[in-house]
Amino acid sequence: MNNYNIKDFNDRAELLKVLAHPVRLCIVKGLIEKGKCNVSHMQNCLNMPQSTISQHLQKLRTAGIIEGERNGLEINYSICDKGIIKLIQSLFEE
């Protein structure tokens, strides 16, 4: 049996916990499909208050899943963890 590093399992479990919310999963899937997106567009798609979406974005950013790029007054978000793209695509394979 291999010598597993428990920290790797903890890190991956934490990542899955962040993704294990329907709104965050939807945001990540949308960013994968669209490439980049701002909060206003997400607000229209998800039909939720901007404050709610911002809270979810903060959790995704803290987990290192997404990053924000400022463009004037708006921030465009995109996926920065390429492994997440494979994970989400495999979840939604038909």
PDB file of N, CA and C in Angstrom:
ATOM      1  N   MET A   1       0.851  -1.188   0.000  1.00  0.00           N
ATOM      2  CA  MET A   1       0.000   0.000   0.000  1.00  0.00           C
ATOM      3  C   MET A   1       0.890   1.243   0.000  1.00  0.00           C
ATOM      4  N   ASN A   2       0.479   2.248  -0.745  1.00  0.00           N
ATOM      5  CA  ASN A   2       1.248   3.494  -0.830  1.00  0.00           C
ATOM      6  C   ASN A   2       1.221   4.256   0.478  1.00  0.00           C
ATOM      7  N   ASN A   3       2.241   5.052   0.661  1.00  0.00           N
ATOM      8  CA  ASN A   3       2.291   5.950   1.793  1.00  0.00           C
ATOM      9  C   ASN A   3       1.556   7.228   1.412  1.00  0.00           C
ATOM     10  N   TYR A   4       0.354   7.405   1.918  1.00  0.00           N
ATOM     11  CA  TYR A   4      -0.452   8.575   1.556  1.00  0.00           C
ATOM     12  C   TYR A   4      -0.135   9.738   2.480  1.00  0.00           C
ATOM     13  N   ASN A   5      -0.163  10.923   1.911  1.00  0.00           N
ATOM     14  CA  ASN A   5       0.018  12.130   2.693  1.00  0.00           C
ATOM     15  C   ASN A   5      -1.371  12.641   3.071  1.00  0.00           C
ATOM     16  N   ILE A   6      -1.690  12.581   4.338  1.00  0.00           N
ATOM     17  CA  ILE A   6      -3.027  12.949   4.804  1.00  0.00           C
ATOM     18  C   ILE A   6      -3.355  14.405   4.486  1.00  0.00           C
ATOM     19  N   LYS A   7      -2.346  15.261   4.412  1.00  0.00           N
ATOM     20  CA  LYS A   7      -2.580  16.670   4.080  1.00  0.00           C
ATOM     21  C   LYS A   7      -3.180  16.811   2.684  1.00  0.00           C
ATOM     22  N   ASP A   8      -2.722  15.984   1.737  1.00  0.00           N
ATOM     23  CA  ASP A   8      -3.287  16.015   0.384  1.00  0.00           C
ATOM     24  C   ASP A   8      -4.775  15.678   0.412  1.00  0.00           C
ATOM     25  N   PHE A   9      -5.142  14.698   1.210  1.00  0.00           N
ATOM     26  CA  PHE A   9      -6.551  14.321   1.311  1.00  0.00           C
ATOM     27  C   PHE A   9      -7.361  15.428   1.975  1.00  0.00           C
ATOM     28  N   ASN A  10      -6.792  16.049   3.000  1.00  0.00           N
ATOM     29  CA  ASN A  10      -7.481  17.156   3.670  1.00  0.00           C
ATOM     30  C   ASN A  10      -7.695  18.321   2.713  1.00  0.00           C
ATOM     31  N   ASP A  11      -6.647  18.660   1.933  1.00  0.00           N
ATOM     32  CA  ASP A  11      -6.746  19.766   0.983  1.00  0.00           C
ATOM     33  C   ASP A  11      -7.832  19.504  -0.060  1.00  0.00           C
ATOM     34  N   ARG A  12      -7.865  18.291  -0.574  1.00  0.00           N
ATOM     35  CA  ARG A  12      -8.863  17.948  -1.597  1.00  0.00           C
ATOM     36  C   ARG A  12     -10.276  17.903  -1.006  1.00  0.00           C
ATOM     37  N   ALA A  13     -10.384  17.435   0.210  1.00  0.00           N
ATOM     38  CA  ALA A  13     -11.690  17.411   0.878  1.00  0.00           C
ATOM     39  C   ALA A  13     -12.207  18.831   1.076  1.00  0.00           C
ATOM     40  N   GLU A  14     -11.321  19.754   1.461  1.00  0.00           N
ATOM     41  CA  GLU A  14     -11.724  21.147   1.634  1.00  0.00           C
ATOM     42  C   GLU A  14     -12.189  21.751   0.304  1.00  0.00           C
ATOM     43  N   LEU A  15     -11.486  21.421  -0.757  1.00  0.00           N
ATOM     44  CA  LEU A  15     -11.860  21.895  -2.091  1.00  0.00           C
ATOM     45  C   LEU A  15     -13.253  21.382  -2.468  1.00  0.00           C
ATOM     46  N   LEU A  16     -13.499  20.115  -2.205  1.00  0.00           N
ATOM     47  CA  LEU A  16     -14.811  19.538  -2.504  1.00  0.00           C
ATOM     48  C   LEU A  16     -15.910  20.166  -1.646  1.00  0.00           C
ATOM     49  N   LYS A  17     -15.592  20.503  -0.406  1.00  0.00           N
ATOM     50  CA  LYS A  17     -16.578  21.173   0.458  1.00  0.00           C
ATOM     51  C   LYS A  17     -16.987  22.512  -0.133  1.00  0.00           C
ATOM     52  N   VAL A  18     -16.009  23.247  -0.659  1.00  0.00           N
ATOM     53  CA  VAL A  18     -16.312  24.553  -1.259  1.00  0.00           C
ATOM     54  C   VAL A  18     -17.210  24.372  -2.481  1.00  0.00           C
ATOM     55  N   LEU A  19     -16.934  23.366  -3.271  1.00  0.00           N
ATOM     56  CA  LEU A  19     -17.715  23.117  -4.490  1.00  0.00           C
ATOM     57  C   LEU A  19     -19.080  22.487  -4.200  1.00  0.00           C
ATOM     58  N   ALA A  20     -19.261  21.937  -3.005  1.00  0.00           N
ATOM     59  CA  ALA A  20     -20.469  21.178  -2.684  1.00  0.00           C
ATOM     60  C   ALA A  20     -21.650  22.073  -2.318  1.00  0.00           C
ATOM     61  N   HIS A  21     -21.818  23.159  -3.042  1.00  0.00           N
ATOM     62  CA  HIS A  21     -22.977  24.036  -2.872  1.00  0.00           C
ATOM     63  C   HIS A  21     -23.526  24.311  -4.262  1.00  0.00           C
ATOM     64  N   PRO A  22     -24.829  24.164  -4.465  1.00  0.00           N
ATOM     65  CA  PRO A  22     -25.390  24.312  -5.815  1.00  0.00           C
ATOM     66  C   PRO A  22     -25.054  25.637  -6.499  1.00  0.00           C
ATOM     67  N   VAL A  23     -25.071  26.737  -5.759  1.00  0.00           N
ATOM     68  CA  VAL A  23     -24.786  28.041  -6.369  1.00  0.00           C
ATOM     69  C   VAL A  23     -23.324  28.119  -6.801  1.00  0.00           C
ATOM     70  N   ARG A  24     -22.410  27.668  -5.941  1.00  0.00           N
ATOM     71  CA  ARG A  24     -20.990  27.715  -6.301  1.00  0.00           C
ATOM     72  C   ARG A  24     -20.693  26.775  -7.463  1.00  0.00           C
ATOM     73  N   LEU A  25     -21.327  25.627  -7.479  1.00  0.00           N
ATOM     74  CA  LEU A  25     -21.161  24.690  -8.583  1.00  0.00           C
ATOM     75  C   LEU A  25     -21.651  25.324  -9.892  1.00  0.00           C
ATOM     76  N   CYS A  26     -22.763  26.009  -9.821  1.00  0.00           N
ATOM     77  CA  CYS A  26     -23.323  26.695 -10.990  1.00  0.00           C
ATOM     78  C   CYS A  26     -22.398  27.819 -11.465  1.00  0.00           C
ATOM     79  N   ILE A  27     -21.845  28.586 -10.532  1.00  0.00           N
ATOM     80  CA  ILE A  27     -20.918  29.661 -10.880  1.00  0.00           C
ATOM     81  C   ILE A  27     -19.689  29.089 -11.587  1.00  0.00           C
ATOM     82  N   VAL A  28     -19.113  28.048 -11.019  1.00  0.00           N
ATOM     83  CA  VAL A  28     -17.904  27.447 -11.596  1.00  0.00           C
ATOM     84  C   VAL A  28     -18.202  26.876 -12.982  1.00  0.00           C
ATOM     85  N   LYS A  29     -19.316  26.160 -13.104  1.00  0.00           N
ATOM     86  CA  LYS A  29     -19.675  25.588 -14.409  1.00  0.00           C
ATOM     87  C   LYS A  29     -19.892  26.704 -15.438  1.00  0.00           C
ATOM     88  N   GLY A  30     -20.544  27.776 -15.027  1.00  0.00           N
ATOM     89  CA  GLY A  30     -20.770  28.911 -15.918  1.00  0.00           C
ATOM     90  C   GLY A  30     -19.472  29.567 -16.349  1.00  0.00           C
ATOM     91  N   LEU A  31     -18.530  29.706 -15.416  1.00  0.00           N
ATOM     92  CA  LEU A  31     -17.239  30.315 -15.753  1.00  0.00           C
ATOM     93  C   LEU A  31     -16.442  29.426 -16.703  1.00  0.00           C
ATOM     94  N   ILE A  32     -16.561  28.125 -16.541  1.00  0.00           N
ATOM     95  CA  ILE A  32     -15.876  27.205 -17.454  1.00  0.00           C
ATOM     96  C   ILE A  32     -16.429  27.386 -18.867  1.00  0.00           C
ATOM     97  N   GLU A  33     -17.746  27.491 -18.974  1.00  0.00           N
ATOM     98  CA  GLU A  33     -18.391  27.626 -20.284  1.00  0.00           C
ATOM     99  C   GLU A  33     -18.152  28.989 -20.911  1.00  0.00           C
ATOM    100  N   LYS A  34     -18.192  30.044 -20.101  1.00  0.00           N
ATOM    101  CA  LYS A  34     -18.109  31.414 -20.619  1.00  0.00           C
ATOM    102  C   LYS A  34     -16.676  31.948 -20.683  1.00  0.00           C
ATOM    103  N   GLY A  35     -15.807  31.443 -19.834  1.00  0.00           N
ATOM    104  CA  GLY A  35     -14.432  31.936 -19.795  1.00  0.00           C
ATOM    105  C   GLY A  35     -14.236  32.976 -18.715  1.00  0.00           C
ATOM    106  N   LYS A  36     -14.841  34.153 -18.896  1.00  0.00           N
ATOM    107  CA  LYS A  36     -14.781  35.225 -17.891  1.00  0.00           C
ATOM    108  C   LYS A  36     -16.173  35.800 -17.723  1.00  0.00           C
ATOM    109  N   CYS A  37     -16.428  36.326 -16.540  1.00  0.00           N
ATOM    110  CA  CYS A  37     -17.761  36.851 -16.264  1.00  0.00           C
ATOM    111  C   CYS A  37     -17.706  37.798 -15.077  1.00  0.00           C
ATOM    112  N   ASN A  38     -18.589  38.807 -15.073  1.00  0.00           N
ATOM    113  CA  ASN A  38     -18.661  39.705 -13.927  1.00  0.00           C
ATOM    114  C   ASN A  38     -19.895  39.390 -13.079  1.00  0.00           C
ATOM    115  N   VAL A  39     -19.969  40.008 -11.920  1.00  0.00           N
ATOM    116  CA  VAL A  39     -21.051  39.717 -10.975  1.00  0.00           C
ATOM    117  C   VAL A  39     -22.413  40.089 -11.556  1.00  0.00           C
ATOM    118  N   SER A  40     -22.491  41.195 -12.299  1.00  0.00           N
ATOM    119  CA  SER A  40     -23.774  41.628 -12.861  1.00  0.00           C
ATOM    120  C   SER A  40     -24.357  40.564 -13.784  1.00  0.00           C
ATOM    121  N   HIS A  41     -23.500  39.971 -14.630  1.00  0.00           N
ATOM    122  CA  HIS A  41     -23.974  38.913 -15.527  1.00  0.00           C
ATOM    123  C   HIS A  41     -24.436  37.701 -14.723  1.00  0.00           C
ATOM    124  N   MET A  42     -23.674  37.337 -13.689  1.00  0.00           N
ATOM    125  CA  MET A  42     -24.047  36.200 -12.846  1.00  0.00           C
ATOM    126  C   MET A  42     -25.376  36.465 -12.147  1.00  0.00           C
ATOM    127  N   GLN A  43     -25.550  37.707 -11.714  1.00  0.00           N
ATOM    128  CA  GLN A  43     -26.774  38.089 -11.021  1.00  0.00           C
ATOM    129  C   GLN A  43     -27.984  37.896 -11.938  1.00  0.00           C
ATOM    130  N   ASN A  44     -27.847  38.260 -13.201  1.00  0.00           N
ATOM    131  CA  ASN A  44     -28.935  38.077 -14.169  1.00  0.00           C
ATOM    132  C   ASN A  44     -29.204  36.601 -14.422  1.00  0.00           C
ATOM    133  N   CYS A  45     -28.132  35.811 -14.535  1.00  0.00           N
ATOM    134  CA  CYS A  45     -28.287  34.371 -14.814  1.00  0.00           C
ATOM    135  C   CYS A  45     -28.877  33.616 -13.627  1.00  0.00           C
ATOM    136  N   LEU A  46     -28.412  33.941 -12.437  1.00  0.00           N
ATOM    137  CA  LEU A  46     -28.807  33.196 -11.243  1.00  0.00           C
ATOM    138  C   LEU A  46     -30.044  33.763 -10.563  1.00  0.00           C
ATOM    139  N   ASN A  47     -30.415  35.010 -10.933  1.00  0.00           N
ATOM    140  CA  ASN A  47     -31.567  35.675 -10.328  1.00  0.00           C
ATOM    141  C   ASN A  47     -31.449  35.722  -8.799  1.00  0.00           C
ATOM    142  N   MET A  48     -30.282  36.214  -8.342  1.00  0.00           N
ATOM    143  CA  MET A  48     -29.991  36.315  -6.911  1.00  0.00           C
ATOM    144  C   MET A  48     -29.409  37.691  -6.631  1.00  0.00           C
ATOM    145  N   PRO A  49     -29.482  38.134  -5.375  1.00  0.00           N
ATOM    146  CA  PRO A  49     -28.862  39.421  -5.030  1.00  0.00           C
ATOM    147  C   PRO A  49     -27.345  39.382  -5.226  1.00  0.00           C
ATOM    148  N   GLN A  50     -26.791  40.518  -5.588  1.00  0.00           N
ATOM    149  CA  GLN A  50     -25.347  40.619  -5.805  1.00  0.00           C
ATOM    150  C   GLN A  50     -24.574  40.247  -4.545  1.00  0.00           C
ATOM    151  N   SER A  51     -25.085  40.612  -3.389  1.00  0.00           N
ATOM    152  CA  SER A  51     -24.385  40.315  -2.132  1.00  0.00           C
ATOM    153  C   SER A  51     -24.245  38.808  -1.916  1.00  0.00           C
ATOM    154  N   THR A  52     -25.268  38.052  -2.268  1.00  0.00           N
ATOM    155  CA  THR A  52     -25.224  36.590  -2.128  1.00  0.00           C
ATOM    156  C   THR A  52     -24.175  35.998  -3.058  1.00  0.00           C
ATOM    157  N   ILE A  53     -24.182  36.450  -4.312  1.00  0.00           N
ATOM    158  CA  ILE A  53     -23.216  35.954  -5.291  1.00  0.00           C
ATOM    159  C   ILE A  53     -21.798  36.326  -4.855  1.00  0.00           C
ATOM    160  N   SER A  54     -21.616  37.528  -4.359  1.00  0.00           N
ATOM    161  CA  SER A  54     -20.294  37.976  -3.904  1.00  0.00           C
ATOM    162  C   SER A  54     -19.759  37.101  -2.784  1.00  0.00           C
ATOM    163  N   GLN A  55     -20.634  36.675  -1.878  1.00  0.00           N
ATOM    164  CA  GLN A  55     -20.212  35.784  -0.789  1.00  0.00           C
ATOM    165  C   GLN A  55     -19.719  34.450  -1.339  1.00  0.00           C
ATOM    166  N   HIS A  56     -20.430  33.919  -2.319  1.00  0.00           N
ATOM    167  CA  HIS A  56     -20.015  32.654  -2.931  1.00  0.00           C
ATOM    168  C   HIS A  56     -18.704  32.832  -3.698  1.00  0.00           C
ATOM    169  N   LEU A  57     -18.569  33.942  -4.404  1.00  0.00           N
ATOM    170  CA  LEU A  57     -17.332  34.217  -5.141  1.00  0.00           C
ATOM    171  C   LEU A  57     -16.142  34.306  -4.189  1.00  0.00           C
ATOM    172  N   GLN A  58     -16.350  34.912  -3.036  1.00  0.00           N
ATOM    173  CA  GLN A  58     -15.272  35.039  -2.054  1.00  0.00           C
ATOM    174  C   GLN A  58     -14.794  33.664  -1.595  1.00  0.00           C
ATOM    175  N   LYS A  59     -15.732  32.747  -1.357  1.00  0.00           N
ATOM    176  CA  LYS A  59     -15.349  31.391  -0.932  1.00  0.00           C
ATOM    177  C   LYS A  59     -14.571  30.683  -2.030  1.00  0.00           C
ATOM    178  N   LEU A  60     -15.005  30.852  -3.272  1.00  0.00           N
ATOM    179  CA  LEU A  60     -14.316  30.229  -4.406  1.00  0.00           C
ATOM    180  C   LEU A  60     -12.924  30.830  -4.588  1.00  0.00           C
ATOM    181  N   ARG A  61     -12.812  32.136  -4.374  1.00  0.00           N
ATOM    182  CA  ARG A  61     -11.514  32.811  -4.508  1.00  0.00           C
ATOM    183  C   ARG A  61     -10.564  32.386  -3.401  1.00  0.00           C
ATOM    184  N   THR A  62     -11.054  32.323  -2.188  1.00  0.00           N
ATOM    185  CA  THR A  62     -10.237  31.913  -1.046  1.00  0.00           C
ATOM    186  C   THR A  62      -9.711  30.494  -1.231  1.00  0.00           C
ATOM    187  N   ALA A  63     -10.524  29.636  -1.858  1.00  0.00           N
ATOM    188  CA  ALA A  63     -10.122  28.241  -2.096  1.00  0.00           C
ATOM    189  C   ALA A  63      -9.166  28.110  -3.281  1.00  0.00           C
ATOM    190  N   GLY A  64      -8.928  29.213  -4.000  1.00  0.00           N
ATOM    191  CA  GLY A  64      -7.995  29.178  -5.130  1.00  0.00           C
ATOM    192  C   GLY A  64      -8.597  28.586  -6.398  1.00  0.00           C
ATOM    193  N   ILE A  65      -9.932  28.565  -6.466  1.00  0.00           N
ATOM    194  CA  ILE A  65     -10.613  28.005  -7.629  1.00  0.00           C
ATOM    195  C   ILE A  65     -10.776  29.059  -8.727  1.00  0.00           C
ATOM    196  N   ILE A  66     -11.086  30.287  -8.313  1.00  0.00           N
ATOM    197  CA  ILE A  66     -11.265  31.372  -9.279  1.00  0.00           C
ATOM    198  C   ILE A  66     -10.346  32.541  -8.931  1.00  0.00           C
ATOM    199  N   GLU A  67     -10.205  33.437  -9.906  1.00  0.00           N
ATOM    200  CA  GLU A  67      -9.474  34.672  -9.667  1.00  0.00           C
ATOM    201  C   GLU A  67     -10.258  35.805 -10.310  1.00  0.00           C
ATOM    202  N   GLY A  68     -10.041  37.004  -9.811  1.00  0.00           N
ATOM    203  CA  GLY A  68     -10.718  38.172 -10.349  1.00  0.00           C
ATOM    204  C   GLY A  68      -9.719  39.124 -10.979  1.00  0.00           C
ATOM    205  N   GLU A  69     -10.105  39.668 -12.114  1.00  0.00           N
ATOM    206  CA  GLU A  69      -9.274  40.652 -12.809  1.00  0.00           C
ATOM    207  C   GLU A  69     -10.068  41.945 -12.928  1.00  0.00           C
ATOM    208  N   ARG A  70      -9.540  43.007 -12.311  1.00  0.00           N
ATOM    209  CA  ARG A  70     -10.248  44.281 -12.315  1.00  0.00           C
ATOM    210  C   ARG A  70     -10.146  44.930 -13.691  1.00  0.00           C
ATOM    211  N   ASN A  71     -11.290  45.428 -14.154  1.00  0.00           N
ATOM    212  CA  ASN A  71     -11.365  46.158 -15.418  1.00  0.00           C
ATOM    213  C   ASN A  71     -12.212  47.396 -15.148  1.00  0.00           C
ATOM    214  N   GLY A  72     -11.558  48.498 -14.759  1.00  0.00           N
ATOM    215  CA  GLY A  72     -12.302  49.698 -14.365  1.00  0.00           C
ATOM    216  C   GLY A  72     -13.021  49.432 -13.061  1.00  0.00           C
ATOM    217  N   LEU A  73     -14.345  49.591 -13.075  1.00  0.00           N
ATOM    218  CA  LEU A  73     -15.134  49.388 -11.863  1.00  0.00           C
ATOM    219  C   LEU A  73     -15.592  47.948 -11.666  1.00  0.00           C
ATOM    220  N   GLU A  74     -15.497  47.138 -12.710  1.00  0.00           N
ATOM    221  CA  GLU A  74     -15.965  45.764 -12.572  1.00  0.00           C
ATOM    222  C   GLU A  74     -14.814  44.779 -12.466  1.00  0.00           C
ATOM    223  N   ILE A  75     -15.131  43.637 -11.908  1.00  0.00           N
ATOM    224  CA  ILE A  75     -14.155  42.551 -11.795  1.00  0.00           C
ATOM    225  C   ILE A  75     -14.673  41.381 -12.614  1.00  0.00           C
ATOM    226  N   ASN A  76     -13.841  40.888 -13.515  1.00  0.00           N
ATOM    227  CA  ASN A  76     -14.183  39.705 -14.303  1.00  0.00           C
ATOM    228  C   ASN A  76     -13.524  38.494 -13.658  1.00  0.00           C
ATOM    229  N   TYR A  77     -14.329  37.493 -13.379  1.00  0.00           N
ATOM    230  CA  TYR A  77     -13.848  36.285 -12.723  1.00  0.00           C
ATOM    231  C   TYR A  77     -13.597  35.191 -13.746  1.00  0.00           C
ATOM    232  N   SER A  78     -12.612  34.349 -13.453  1.00  0.00           N
ATOM    233  CA  SER A  78     -12.306  33.207 -14.305  1.00  0.00           C
ATOM    234  C   SER A  78     -11.739  32.086 -13.433  1.00  0.00           C
ATOM    235  N   ILE A  79     -11.735  30.878 -13.993  1.00  0.00           N
ATOM    236  CA  ILE A  79     -11.194  29.713 -13.291  1.00  0.00           C
ATOM    237  C   ILE A  79      -9.667  29.775 -13.348  1.00  0.00           C
ATOM    238  N   CYS A  80      -9.016  29.600 -12.207  1.00  0.00           N
ATOM    239  CA  CYS A  80      -7.547  29.620 -12.204  1.00  0.00           C
ATOM    240  C   CYS A  80      -6.958  28.257 -11.845  1.00  0.00           C
ATOM    241  N   ASP A  81      -7.805  27.315 -11.446  1.00  0.00           N
ATOM    242  CA  ASP A  81      -7.347  25.964 -11.125  1.00  0.00           C
ATOM    243  C   ASP A  81      -7.818  25.027 -12.239  1.00  0.00           C
ATOM    244  N   LYS A  82      -6.913  24.669 -13.120  1.00  0.00           N
ATOM    245  CA  LYS A  82      -7.276  23.868 -14.298  1.00  0.00           C
ATOM    246  C   LYS A  82      -7.782  22.473 -13.913  1.00  0.00           C
ATOM    247  N   GLY A  83      -7.357  21.954 -12.775  1.00  0.00           N
ATOM    248  CA  GLY A  83      -7.848  20.658 -12.315  1.00  0.00           C
ATOM    249  C   GLY A  83      -9.344  20.685 -12.040  1.00  0.00           C
ATOM    250  N   ILE A  84      -9.837  21.842 -11.623  1.00  0.00           N
ATOM    251  CA  ILE A  84     -11.268  21.999 -11.346  1.00  0.00           C
ATOM    252  C   ILE A  84     -12.074  21.832 -12.629  1.00  0.00           C
ATOM    253  N   ILE A  85     -11.523  22.306 -13.735  1.00  0.00           N
ATOM    254  CA  ILE A  85     -12.227  22.193 -15.018  1.00  0.00           C
ATOM    255  C   ILE A  85     -12.488  20.723 -15.340  1.00  0.00           C
ATOM    256  N   LYS A  86     -11.465  19.889 -15.191  1.00  0.00           N
ATOM    257  CA  LYS A  86     -11.625  18.450 -15.451  1.00  0.00           C
ATOM    258  C   LYS A  86     -12.653  17.832 -14.508  1.00  0.00           C
ATOM    259  N   LEU A  87     -12.581  18.220 -13.230  1.00  0.00           N
ATOM    260  CA  LEU A  87     -13.492  17.686 -12.221  1.00  0.00           C
ATOM    261  C   LEU A  87     -14.942  18.026 -12.568  1.00  0.00           C
ATOM    262  N   ILE A  88     -15.213  19.280 -12.868  1.00  0.00           N
ATOM    263  CA  ILE A  88     -16.579  19.726 -13.157  1.00  0.00           C
ATOM    264  C   ILE A  88     -17.071  19.090 -14.452  1.00  0.00           C
ATOM    265  N   GLN A  89     -16.215  19.026 -15.452  1.00  0.00           N
ATOM    266  CA  GLN A  89     -16.620  18.396 -16.722  1.00  0.00           C
ATOM    267  C   GLN A  89     -16.987  16.931 -16.506  1.00  0.00           C
ATOM    268  N   SER A  90     -16.223  16.238 -15.657  1.00  0.00           N
ATOM    269  CA  SER A  90     -16.545  14.829 -15.413  1.00  0.00           C
ATOM    270  C   SER A  90     -17.850  14.690 -14.628  1.00  0.00           C
ATOM    271  N   LEU A  91     -18.172  15.661 -13.767  1.00  0.00           N
ATOM    272  CA  LEU A  91     -19.427  15.624 -13.033  1.00  0.00           C
ATOM    273  C   LEU A  91     -20.634  15.766 -13.954  1.00  0.00           C
ATOM    274  N   PHE A  92     -20.456  16.541 -15.030  1.00  0.00           N
ATOM    275  CA  PHE A  92     -21.588  16.840 -15.910  1.00  0.00           C
ATOM    276  C   PHE A  92     -21.517  16.114 -17.251  1.00  0.00           C
ATOM    277  N   GLU A  93     -20.700  15.054 -17.336  1.00  0.00           N
ATOM    278  CA  GLU A  93     -20.665  14.253 -18.550  1.00  0.00           C
ATOM    279  C   GLU A  93     -22.002  13.579 -18.768  1.00  0.00           C
ATOM    280  N   GLU A  94     -22.377  13.471 -20.015  1.00  0.00           N
ATOM    281  CA  GLU A  94     -23.660  12.813 -20.313  1.00  0.00           C
ATOM    282  C   GLU A  94     -23.446  11.467 -20.916  1.00  0.00           C
TER     283      GLU A  94
END
